[in-house]
N, C-alpha and C. Protein backbone atom coordinates (compact mmCIF):
# COMPACT_ATOMS: atom_id res chain seq x y z
N GLN A 1 3.08 14.14 16.12
CA GLN A 1 1.57 12.77 15.54
C GLN A 1 1.92 12.29 13.74
N VAL A 2 1.98 11.10 14.06
CA VAL A 2 1.74 9.75 12.80
C VAL A 2 1.28 10.46 12.20
N GLN A 3 0.88 10.67 10.45
CA GLN A 3 0.44 9.93 9.48
C GLN A 3 0.83 9.89 8.78
N LEU A 4 0.22 9.42 7.94
CA LEU A 4 0.31 8.24 6.27
C LEU A 4 -1.23 9.43 5.54
N VAL A 5 -0.55 9.47 4.67
CA VAL A 5 -1.43 9.90 3.69
C VAL A 5 -0.82 9.50 2.37
N GLU A 6 -1.59 8.26 1.21
CA GLU A 6 -1.73 7.26 -0.27
C GLU A 6 -2.12 8.68 -0.29
N SER A 7 -1.76 8.43 -1.99
CA SER A 7 -1.66 9.02 -2.84
C SER A 7 -1.58 8.52 -4.23
N GLY A 8 -1.90 8.80 -5.93
CA GLY A 8 -2.24 8.21 -7.03
C GLY A 8 -2.68 6.57 -7.52
N GLY A 9 -3.83 7.17 -6.43
CA GLY A 9 -4.54 5.70 -6.83
C GLY A 9 -6.09 6.53 -7.82
N GLY A 10 -6.31 6.11 -8.13
CA GLY A 10 -7.23 6.92 -10.46
C GLY A 10 -8.36 5.59 -10.44
N LEU A 11 -8.60 5.55 -11.80
CA LEU A 11 -9.79 4.84 -12.35
C LEU A 11 -8.83 4.40 -13.33
N VAL A 12 -8.56 2.95 -13.78
CA VAL A 12 -7.70 3.16 -15.24
C VAL A 12 -8.48 1.50 -15.43
N GLN A 13 -8.28 1.41 -16.93
CA GLN A 13 -8.66 -0.18 -17.41
C GLN A 13 -7.97 -1.50 -17.22
N PRO A 14 -8.87 -1.83 -17.27
CA PRO A 14 -7.82 -3.43 -16.79
C PRO A 14 -6.72 -3.60 -17.75
N GLY A 15 -5.51 -3.98 -16.55
CA GLY A 15 -4.54 -3.93 -17.88
C GLY A 15 -3.59 -3.10 -17.47
N GLY A 16 -3.80 -2.10 -17.34
CA GLY A 16 -2.90 -0.83 -16.88
C GLY A 16 -2.45 -0.66 -15.48
N SER A 17 -1.74 0.33 -15.12
CA SER A 17 -1.21 0.27 -13.78
C SER A 17 -1.01 2.02 -13.12
N LEU A 18 -1.02 1.63 -12.38
CA LEU A 18 -0.48 2.36 -10.84
C LEU A 18 0.32 2.23 -10.12
N ARG A 19 0.70 3.53 -9.39
CA ARG A 19 1.96 3.35 -8.23
C ARG A 19 0.81 4.24 -7.58
N LEU A 20 1.21 2.98 -5.83
CA LEU A 20 0.33 4.62 -5.00
C LEU A 20 2.08 5.14 -3.91
N SER A 21 1.20 5.49 -3.38
CA SER A 21 2.52 6.52 -2.97
C SER A 21 2.15 6.66 -0.77
N CYS A 22 2.76 6.49 -0.28
CA CYS A 22 2.21 7.31 0.98
C CYS A 22 3.77 7.60 1.75
N ALA A 23 3.05 8.73 2.04
CA ALA A 23 4.02 9.86 2.54
C ALA A 23 3.58 9.81 4.22
N ALA A 24 4.59 9.26 4.89
CA ALA A 24 4.78 8.88 6.11
C ALA A 24 5.54 10.56 7.00
N SER A 25 5.01 10.17 8.97
CA SER A 25 5.43 11.61 8.95
C SER A 25 4.86 11.43 10.53
N GLY A 26 6.05 12.04 11.04
CA GLY A 26 5.56 12.26 12.72
C GLY A 26 6.32 11.37 14.20
N PHE A 27 6.91 9.46 12.93
CA PHE A 27 7.72 8.61 13.20
C PHE A 27 9.10 8.12 13.09
N ALA A 28 9.57 7.25 13.18
CA ALA A 28 11.02 6.95 12.80
C ALA A 28 10.67 5.94 11.86
N PHE A 29 10.33 6.32 10.61
CA PHE A 29 9.93 5.44 9.50
C PHE A 29 10.65 3.89 9.30
N SER A 30 11.81 4.75 8.92
CA SER A 30 13.25 3.58 8.72
C SER A 30 13.27 2.94 9.41
N SER A 31 12.55 3.10 10.78
CA SER A 31 12.87 2.09 11.81
C SER A 31 11.79 1.44 12.15
N SER A 32 10.82 1.41 10.78
CA SER A 32 8.71 0.69 11.17
C SER A 32 9.01 0.00 9.20
N GLY A 33 8.92 -1.36 9.91
CA GLY A 33 8.01 -2.11 9.09
C GLY A 33 6.86 -1.68 8.25
N MET A 34 5.98 -1.38 7.32
CA MET A 34 4.78 -1.10 6.58
C MET A 34 4.51 -1.61 5.70
N SER A 35 3.19 -1.73 5.58
CA SER A 35 2.46 -2.26 4.33
C SER A 35 1.35 -1.56 3.46
N TRP A 36 0.55 -2.87 3.15
CA TRP A 36 -0.12 -1.86 2.13
C TRP A 36 -1.27 -2.88 2.68
N TYR A 37 -2.94 -1.85 3.00
CA TYR A 37 -4.09 -2.83 2.95
C TYR A 37 -4.96 -2.29 1.57
N ARG A 38 -6.43 -3.55 1.38
CA ARG A 38 -7.05 -2.22 0.95
C ARG A 38 -8.49 -3.60 1.14
N GLN A 39 -9.77 -2.64 0.78
CA GLN A 39 -10.76 -3.13 1.74
C GLN A 39 -11.51 -2.24 0.19
N ALA A 40 -12.51 -3.88 -0.04
CA ALA A 40 -13.34 -3.84 -1.55
C ALA A 40 -15.20 -2.93 -0.60
N PRO A 41 -15.29 -2.68 -1.37
CA PRO A 41 -16.95 -2.86 -0.90
C PRO A 41 -17.45 -4.10 -1.12
N GLY A 42 -18.37 -3.30 0.61
CA GLY A 42 -18.59 -5.32 1.07
C GLY A 42 -17.40 -5.82 1.88
N LYS A 43 -16.51 -6.04 1.11
CA LYS A 43 -15.70 -7.36 1.87
C LYS A 43 -14.66 -6.38 2.98
N GLU A 44 -14.17 -7.38 3.82
CA GLU A 44 -13.34 -6.78 4.76
C GLU A 44 -11.83 -6.35 4.64
N ARG A 45 -11.11 -5.55 5.34
CA ARG A 45 -9.26 -5.04 4.77
C ARG A 45 -9.20 -6.06 4.64
N GLU A 46 -8.44 -5.92 3.73
CA GLU A 46 -7.63 -7.44 3.13
C GLU A 46 -5.75 -7.00 3.35
N LEU A 47 -5.15 -7.72 3.91
CA LEU A 47 -3.01 -7.59 3.73
C LEU A 47 -3.11 -7.25 2.81
N VAL A 48 -2.68 -7.14 1.65
CA VAL A 48 -2.02 -6.80 0.21
C VAL A 48 -0.09 -7.85 0.46
N ALA A 49 0.64 -6.18 0.59
CA ALA A 49 1.97 -6.70 0.90
C ALA A 49 2.83 -5.83 2.30
N VAL A 50 3.93 -6.47 2.23
CA VAL A 50 4.33 -6.14 4.06
C VAL A 50 5.87 -5.67 3.10
N ILE A 51 6.56 -4.99 3.55
CA ILE A 51 7.57 -4.86 3.83
C ILE A 51 8.82 -4.49 4.68
N ASN A 52 9.90 -4.77 5.58
CA ASN A 52 10.38 -5.03 6.23
C ASN A 52 10.97 -3.36 6.30
N THR A 53 11.43 -2.95 7.48
CA THR A 53 12.74 -1.81 7.83
C THR A 53 13.48 -1.18 6.68
N PHE A 54 14.54 -2.03 6.50
CA PHE A 54 15.18 -1.71 4.61
C PHE A 54 15.16 -2.44 3.64
N GLY A 55 13.41 -2.84 3.55
CA GLY A 55 13.25 -3.55 2.20
C GLY A 55 13.48 -4.46 1.49
N HIS A 56 14.58 -4.72 2.30
CA HIS A 56 14.22 -6.39 1.77
C HIS A 56 14.10 -7.71 1.84
N SER A 57 13.18 -7.54 2.42
CA SER A 57 11.87 -8.67 2.90
C SER A 57 11.33 -8.47 3.08
N THR A 58 10.14 -8.87 1.61
CA THR A 58 8.54 -8.37 1.08
C THR A 58 7.42 -9.37 1.56
N TYR A 59 5.63 -9.30 1.08
CA TYR A 59 5.16 -10.32 1.50
C TYR A 59 4.77 -10.00 0.92
N TYR A 60 3.66 -10.41 0.32
CA TYR A 60 3.07 -10.39 -1.19
C TYR A 60 1.35 -11.67 -0.49
N ALA A 61 0.15 -10.92 -0.51
CA ALA A 61 -0.72 -11.74 -0.53
C ALA A 61 -1.00 -12.63 -2.22
N ASP A 62 -1.36 -14.12 -2.31
CA ASP A 62 -0.80 -14.30 -3.66
C ASP A 62 -1.47 -13.43 -4.20
N SER A 63 -2.68 -13.37 -4.13
CA SER A 63 -3.99 -12.74 -5.64
C SER A 63 -2.77 -11.28 -6.20
N VAL A 64 -2.51 -10.80 -5.15
CA VAL A 64 -1.23 -9.87 -6.72
C VAL A 64 -0.12 -10.12 -6.78
N LYS A 65 0.19 -11.20 -5.93
CA LYS A 65 1.91 -11.69 -6.48
C LYS A 65 2.02 -11.58 -7.69
N GLY A 66 3.59 -11.16 -8.31
CA GLY A 66 4.19 -11.15 -9.31
C GLY A 66 3.40 -9.66 -10.46
N ARG A 67 2.63 -9.44 -9.74
CA ARG A 67 1.78 -8.34 -10.46
C ARG A 67 2.18 -6.97 -9.45
N PHE A 68 1.72 -7.30 -8.22
CA PHE A 68 2.85 -5.75 -7.29
C PHE A 68 3.65 -5.65 -7.12
N THR A 69 4.57 -4.73 -6.56
CA THR A 69 5.99 -4.99 -6.51
C THR A 69 5.68 -3.10 -4.98
N ILE A 70 6.35 -3.78 -4.17
CA ILE A 70 6.24 -3.21 -2.87
C ILE A 70 7.12 -1.62 -2.58
N SER A 71 7.79 -1.67 -2.22
CA SER A 71 9.02 -1.01 -2.22
C SER A 71 8.55 0.43 -1.16
N ARG A 72 9.85 1.61 -0.66
CA ARG A 72 10.58 2.33 0.07
C ARG A 72 11.48 3.41 -0.43
N ASP A 73 11.29 4.33 0.27
CA ASP A 73 12.42 5.56 0.33
C ASP A 73 12.68 6.05 1.12
N ASN A 74 13.47 5.62 2.37
CA ASN A 74 13.55 5.91 4.11
C ASN A 74 14.32 6.69 3.53
N ALA A 75 15.11 7.44 2.81
CA ALA A 75 15.95 9.11 3.07
C ALA A 75 14.13 9.74 2.41
N LYS A 76 13.42 9.18 1.64
CA LYS A 76 11.75 9.86 1.35
C LYS A 76 10.41 9.99 2.18
N ASN A 77 11.24 9.32 3.17
CA ASN A 77 9.90 8.65 4.09
C ASN A 77 9.18 8.72 3.35
N THR A 78 8.60 6.99 2.53
CA THR A 78 7.85 7.09 1.73
C THR A 78 8.02 5.74 1.16
N MET A 79 6.96 5.01 0.83
CA MET A 79 6.36 3.36 0.94
C MET A 79 5.32 3.59 -0.47
N TYR A 80 5.88 2.96 -1.84
CA TYR A 80 4.95 2.96 -2.54
C TYR A 80 4.96 1.10 -2.78
N LEU A 81 3.38 1.71 -4.18
CA LEU A 81 2.66 0.67 -4.36
C LEU A 81 3.11 0.19 -6.00
N GLN A 82 3.64 -0.31 -6.33
CA GLN A 82 4.05 -0.68 -7.84
C GLN A 82 2.67 -1.29 -8.11
N MET A 83 1.54 -1.12 -9.18
CA MET A 83 0.43 -1.55 -9.25
C MET A 83 0.44 -1.93 -10.52
N ASN A 84 0.54 -3.46 -11.80
CA ASN A 84 0.57 -3.91 -12.74
C ASN A 84 -0.27 -4.82 -13.28
N SER A 85 -0.71 -4.79 -14.84
CA SER A 85 -1.89 -5.97 -14.58
C SER A 85 -2.73 -5.39 -13.80
N LEU A 86 -3.56 -4.84 -13.96
CA LEU A 86 -5.09 -4.55 -12.41
C LEU A 86 -6.12 -5.24 -13.04
N LYS A 87 -6.89 -5.52 -12.49
CA LYS A 87 -7.55 -6.48 -12.55
C LYS A 87 -9.30 -5.38 -12.35
N PRO A 88 -10.36 -5.36 -12.60
CA PRO A 88 -11.87 -5.58 -11.49
C PRO A 88 -11.28 -6.23 -10.32
N GLU A 89 -11.19 -7.34 -9.60
CA GLU A 89 -11.05 -7.05 -7.96
C GLU A 89 -9.86 -6.71 -7.82
N ASP A 90 -9.57 -6.28 -8.09
CA ASP A 90 -8.29 -5.33 -7.31
C ASP A 90 -8.99 -3.78 -6.94
N THR A 91 -10.37 -3.17 -7.03
CA THR A 91 -11.05 -2.18 -7.48
C THR A 91 -10.47 -2.19 -5.43
N ALA A 92 -10.71 -1.61 -4.81
CA ALA A 92 -10.75 -1.35 -3.28
C ALA A 92 -9.99 0.58 -2.77
N VAL A 93 -10.28 0.32 -2.11
CA VAL A 93 -9.51 1.46 -0.96
C VAL A 93 -7.75 1.35 -0.98
N TYR A 94 -7.38 1.85 -1.08
CA TYR A 94 -5.80 1.14 -0.87
C TYR A 94 -4.87 1.74 0.47
N TYR A 95 -5.08 1.27 1.80
CA TYR A 95 -4.59 2.10 2.84
C TYR A 95 -3.26 1.84 3.24
N CYS A 96 -1.73 2.76 3.82
CA CYS A 96 -0.54 2.54 4.46
C CYS A 96 -1.47 1.74 5.72
N ASN A 97 -0.50 1.28 5.50
CA ASN A 97 -0.35 0.65 7.59
C ASN A 97 1.20 1.10 8.23
N ALA A 98 1.40 1.41 8.96
CA ALA A 98 2.69 1.59 9.60
C ALA A 98 2.92 0.79 11.01
N ASP A 99 4.25 -0.37 10.67
CA ASP A 99 3.98 -0.88 12.41
C ASP A 99 4.99 -0.37 13.47
N ILE A 100 4.61 0.83 14.66
CA ILE A 100 5.55 1.22 14.93
C ILE A 100 5.78 0.98 16.42
N ARG A 101 6.35 0.40 16.36
CA ARG A 101 7.21 -0.32 18.16
C ARG A 101 6.74 -1.26 17.96
N GLY A 102 6.42 -1.62 17.06
CA GLY A 102 5.32 -3.45 17.29
C GLY A 102 4.36 -2.79 17.48
N ARG A 103 3.61 -1.76 17.37
CA ARG A 103 2.20 -0.82 17.00
C ARG A 103 1.56 -1.24 15.78
N LEU A 104 0.64 -1.92 15.56
CA LEU A 104 -0.27 -1.96 14.59
C LEU A 104 -1.12 -0.63 14.03
N GLY A 105 -2.07 -0.05 14.51
CA GLY A 105 -2.57 0.58 14.78
C GLY A 105 -2.77 2.20 13.79
N TYR A 106 -1.72 1.66 13.19
CA TYR A 106 -2.10 3.67 12.24
C TYR A 106 -1.86 2.89 10.99
N TRP A 107 -3.33 3.87 10.07
CA TRP A 107 -3.57 3.94 8.58
C TRP A 107 -3.53 4.97 8.03
N GLY A 108 -3.52 5.24 7.12
CA GLY A 108 -3.87 6.86 6.24
C GLY A 108 -5.20 7.30 5.78
N GLN A 109 -5.65 7.45 5.47
CA GLN A 109 -7.44 7.86 5.29
C GLN A 109 -7.16 6.48 3.86
N GLY A 110 -6.75 5.93 2.68
CA GLY A 110 -7.20 5.84 1.94
C GLY A 110 -6.88 5.99 0.83
N THR A 111 -6.46 5.92 -0.66
CA THR A 111 -7.00 5.78 -2.12
C THR A 111 -7.83 4.86 -2.36
N GLN A 112 -8.75 5.73 -3.61
CA GLN A 112 -9.32 5.01 -4.26
C GLN A 112 -9.03 4.48 -5.49
N VAL A 113 -8.73 2.89 -6.24
CA VAL A 113 -8.04 3.19 -7.07
C VAL A 113 -9.60 1.76 -7.41
N THR A 114 -9.55 2.35 -8.55
CA THR A 114 -11.14 1.58 -9.61
C THR A 114 -10.27 0.52 -11.48
N VAL A 115 -10.86 -0.02 -10.94
CA VAL A 115 -10.01 -1.09 -12.20
C VAL A 115 -11.13 -1.58 -12.80
N SER A 116 -11.70 -0.55 -14.17
CA SER A 116 -13.23 -1.10 -14.79
C SER A 116 -12.21 -0.03 -16.47
N SER A 117 -13.56 -0.79 -17.26
CA SER A 117 -13.25 -0.76 -18.33
C SER A 117 -14.58 0.26 -18.76
């Protein structure tokens, strides 16, 4: 059974940093593209970052480019999102998403990130 478990969220001050992790199991992680989404209260879920199977190709939303870094460790079946220079508008529940053989409907439970003074 596919399982994606996010962790690493928390409360940080503006300008601070967090590192999110997504632990994956139940599928061929190394063969799957992975991505991070987020959803703020009252807003639709939005794509934050994407990483291909080997981690060489990445995509970032304009709102996070230069501040966030997506990475993966295929040996550990884990994807990461390093978030630096956090802003209040980064406050959201962050979700891990897996592209498993072209199917995108696999999600973790989410981890809350709150950026506030």
